[in-house]
C-alpha atoms as a PDB file:
ATOM      1  CA  MET A   1    -106.108  57.452  55.039  1.00  0.00           C
ATOM      2  CA  LEU A   2    -109.638  58.852  55.185  1.00  0.00           C
ATOM      3  CA  SER A   3    -110.507  56.130  57.654  1.00  0.00           C
ATOM      4  CA  PHE A   4    -107.493  57.018  59.806  1.00  0.00           C
ATOM      5  CA  LEU A   5    -108.430  60.693  59.744  1.00  0.00           C
ATOM      6  CA  GLY A   6    -112.127  60.103  60.255  1.00  0.00           C
ATOM      7  CA  LEU A   7    -112.800  62.778  57.640  1.00  0.00           C
ATOM      8  CA  THR A   8    -114.466  62.700  54.250  1.00  0.00           C
ATOM      9  CA  GLU A   9    -112.880  63.660  50.974  1.00  0.00           C
ATOM     10  CA  LEU A  10    -115.154  66.707  50.973  1.00  0.00           C
ATOM     11  CA  ASP A  11    -113.891  67.743  54.425  1.00  0.00           C
ATOM     12  CA  ILE A  12    -110.306  67.630  53.187  1.00  0.00           C
ATOM     13  CA  ARG A  13    -111.124  69.474  49.959  1.00  0.00           C
ATOM     14  CA  ARG A  14    -112.762  72.287  51.916  1.00  0.00           C
ATOM     15  CA  ILE A  15    -109.694  72.658  54.119  1.00  0.00           C
ATOM     16  CA  VAL A  16    -107.242  72.567  51.209  1.00  0.00           C
ATOM     17  CA  ARG A  17    -109.268  75.119  49.223  1.00  0.00           C
ATOM     18  CA  SER A  18    -109.516  77.481  52.170  1.00  0.00           C
ATOM     19  CA  GLU A  19    -105.842  77.248  53.159  1.00  0.00           C
ATOM     20  CA  PRO A  20    -103.365  78.210  50.408  1.00  0.00           C
ATOM     21  CA  ASP A  21    -100.294  77.101  52.370  1.00  0.00           C
ATOM     22  CA  ASP A  22     -99.814  73.311  51.995  1.00  0.00           C
ATOM     23  CA  LYS A  23     -98.070  72.865  55.328  1.00  0.00           C
ATOM     24  CA  ARG A  24    -100.751  74.807  57.177  1.00  0.00           C
ATOM     25  CA  ALA A  25    -103.504  72.891  55.327  1.00  0.00           C
ATOM     26  CA  GLY A  26    -101.948  69.637  56.546  1.00  0.00           C
ATOM     27  CA  GLN A  27    -101.917  70.954  60.095  1.00  0.00           C
ATOM     28  CA  VAL A  28    -105.578  71.978  59.854  1.00  0.00           C
ATOM     29  CA  VAL A  29    -106.511  68.537  58.498  1.00  0.00           C
ATOM     30  CA  LEU A  30    -104.786  66.856  61.439  1.00  0.00           C
ATOM     31  CA  GLN A  31    -106.342  69.271  63.934  1.00  0.00           C
ATOM     32  CA  SER A  32    -109.794  68.687  62.424  1.00  0.00           C
ATOM     33  CA  ALA A  33    -109.231  64.948  62.740  1.00  0.00           C
ATOM     34  CA  GLY A  34    -108.017  65.287  66.322  1.00  0.00           C
ATOM     35  CA  LYS A  35    -104.745  63.549  65.450  1.00  0.00           C
ATOM     36  CA  MET A  36    -101.491  64.137  67.271  1.00  0.00           C
ATOM     37  CA  ALA A  37     -97.906  63.618  66.078  1.00  0.00           C
ATOM     38  CA  ARG A  38     -97.748  60.190  67.764  1.00  0.00           C
ATOM     39  CA  ASP A  39    -100.917  59.102  65.889  1.00  0.00           C
ATOM     40  CA  VAL A  40     -99.381  60.142  62.584  1.00  0.00           C
ATOM     41  CA  ALA A  41     -96.104  58.364  63.408  1.00  0.00           C
ATOM     42  CA  ALA A  42     -97.984  55.147  64.227  1.00  0.00           C
ATOM     43  CA  PHE A  43    -100.011  55.407  61.012  1.00  0.00           C
ATOM     44  CA  ASN A  44     -96.827  55.990  58.983  1.00  0.00           C
ATOM     45  CA  ARG A  45     -95.127  52.920  60.477  1.00  0.00           C
ATOM     46  CA  HIS A  46     -98.160  50.756  59.719  1.00  0.00           C
ATOM     47  CA  PHE A  47     -98.487  52.183  56.194  1.00  0.00           C
ATOM     48  CA  VAL A  48     -94.826  51.556  55.333  1.00  0.00           C
ATOM     49  CA  ARG A  49     -94.978  47.989  56.695  1.00  0.00           C
ATOM     50  CA  ARG A  50     -98.093  47.269  54.672  1.00  0.00           C
ATOM     51  CA  TYR A  51     -97.352  49.158  51.440  1.00  0.00           C
ATOM     52  CA  GLY A  52     -93.574  49.627  51.469  1.00  0.00           C
ATOM     53  CA  ILE A  53     -92.901  47.647  48.301  1.00  0.00           C
ATOM     54  CA  LEU A  54     -95.554  49.614  46.431  1.00  0.00           C
ATOM     55  CA  LEU A  55     -93.951  52.863  47.598  1.00  0.00           C
ATOM     56  CA  VAL A  56     -90.591  51.657  46.263  1.00  0.00           C
ATOM     57  CA  ILE A  57     -92.180  50.782  42.904  1.00  0.00           C
ATOM     58  CA  LEU A  58     -93.933  54.156  42.709  1.00  0.00           C
ATOM     59  CA  ASP A  59     -90.642  55.919  43.471  1.00  0.00           C
ATOM     60  CA  ALA A  60     -89.005  53.957  40.663  1.00  0.00           C
ATOM     61  CA  ASP A  61     -91.824  54.802  38.260  1.00  0.00           C
ATOM     62  CA  GLU A  62     -91.422  58.491  39.124  1.00  0.00           C
ATOM     63  CA  GLY A  63     -87.644  58.301  38.632  1.00  0.00           C
ATOM     64  CA  ARG A  64     -86.730  58.891  42.300  1.00  0.00           C
ATOM     65  CA  ARG A  65     -84.544  55.786  42.730  1.00  0.00           C
ATOM     66  CA  LYS A  66     -80.780  55.773  42.228  1.00  0.00           C
ATOM     67  CA  SER A  67     -80.170  52.307  40.766  1.00  0.00           C
ATOM     68  CA  PRO A  68     -80.823  52.454  36.994  1.00  0.00           C
ATOM     69  CA  LEU A  69     -81.263  48.686  36.561  1.00  0.00           C
ATOM     70  CA  GLY A  70     -83.448  48.236  39.623  1.00  0.00           C
ATOM     71  CA  THR A  71     -85.450  51.298  38.645  1.00  0.00           C
ATOM     72  CA  LYS A  72     -86.074  49.953  35.152  1.00  0.00           C
ATOM     73  CA  VAL A  73     -87.195  46.556  36.485  1.00  0.00           C
ATOM     74  CA  MET A  74     -89.584  48.224  38.900  1.00  0.00           C
ATOM     75  CA  GLN A  75     -90.938  50.596  36.241  1.00  0.00           C
ATOM     76  CA  VAL A  76     -91.666  47.702  33.896  1.00  0.00           C
ATOM     77  CA  THR A  77     -93.261  45.700  36.713  1.00  0.00           C
ATOM     78  CA  TYR A  78     -95.448  48.607  37.753  1.00  0.00           C
ATOM     79  CA  ASN A  79     -96.457  49.685  34.245  1.00  0.00           C
ATOM     80  CA  ALA A  80     -97.030  46.184  32.856  1.00  0.00           C
ATOM     81  CA  LEU A  81     -98.560  44.411  35.856  1.00  0.00           C
ATOM     82  CA  ILE A  82     -99.658  46.577  38.742  1.00  0.00           C
ATOM     83  CA  PHE A  83    -101.135  49.655  37.072  1.00  0.00           C
ATOM     84  CA  PRO A  84    -103.356  47.726  34.612  1.00  0.00           C
ATOM     85  CA  ILE A  85    -104.812  45.652  37.469  1.00  0.00           C
ATOM     86  CA  ALA A  86    -105.310  48.732  39.619  1.00  0.00           C
ATOM     87  CA  ARG A  87    -106.992  50.513  36.705  1.00  0.00           C
ATOM     88  CA  ILE A  88    -109.448  47.642  36.227  1.00  0.00           C
ATOM     89  CA  MET A  89    -110.237  47.558  39.942  1.00  0.00           C
ATOM     90  CA  TYR A  90    -110.696  51.334  40.033  1.00  0.00           C
ATOM     91  CA  ASN A  91    -112.946  51.375  36.982  1.00  0.00           C
ATOM     92  CA  ARG A  92    -115.131  48.663  38.543  1.00  0.00           C
ATOM     93  CA  THR A  93    -115.982  51.158  41.275  1.00  0.00           C
ATOM     94  CA  GLY A  94    -117.886  53.142  38.675  1.00  0.00           C
ATOM     95  CA  HIS A  95    -115.189  55.704  37.989  1.00  0.00           C
ATOM     96  CA  THR A  96    -114.107  55.952  34.385  1.00  0.00           C
ATOM     97  CA  ASP A  97    -111.598  58.779  34.515  1.00  0.00           C
ATOM     98  CA  VAL A  98    -108.558  56.460  34.345  1.00  0.00           C
ATOM     99  CA  LYS A  99    -107.974  55.011  30.891  1.00  0.00           C
END
């Protein structure tokens, strides 16, 4: 997302800290990045195509899915397989705040 926006994490933090309203902060981020609604829509379509299954699994892990059986399968898959691998990959970047 940072690449899409062309902003740094620090840029976004500054905006979010200076703007207490979440919706307005989002608008300022997009304005700072020079992004229009059509750019965001195109990014969203690409993101869902690429990461849609992960979004479904995250929704299940957070309890936002309706099917109890499907939700449980996805929660187990995420917690037993995906999160441990992601944690290892993240920690290899030098960050150690995820245990």
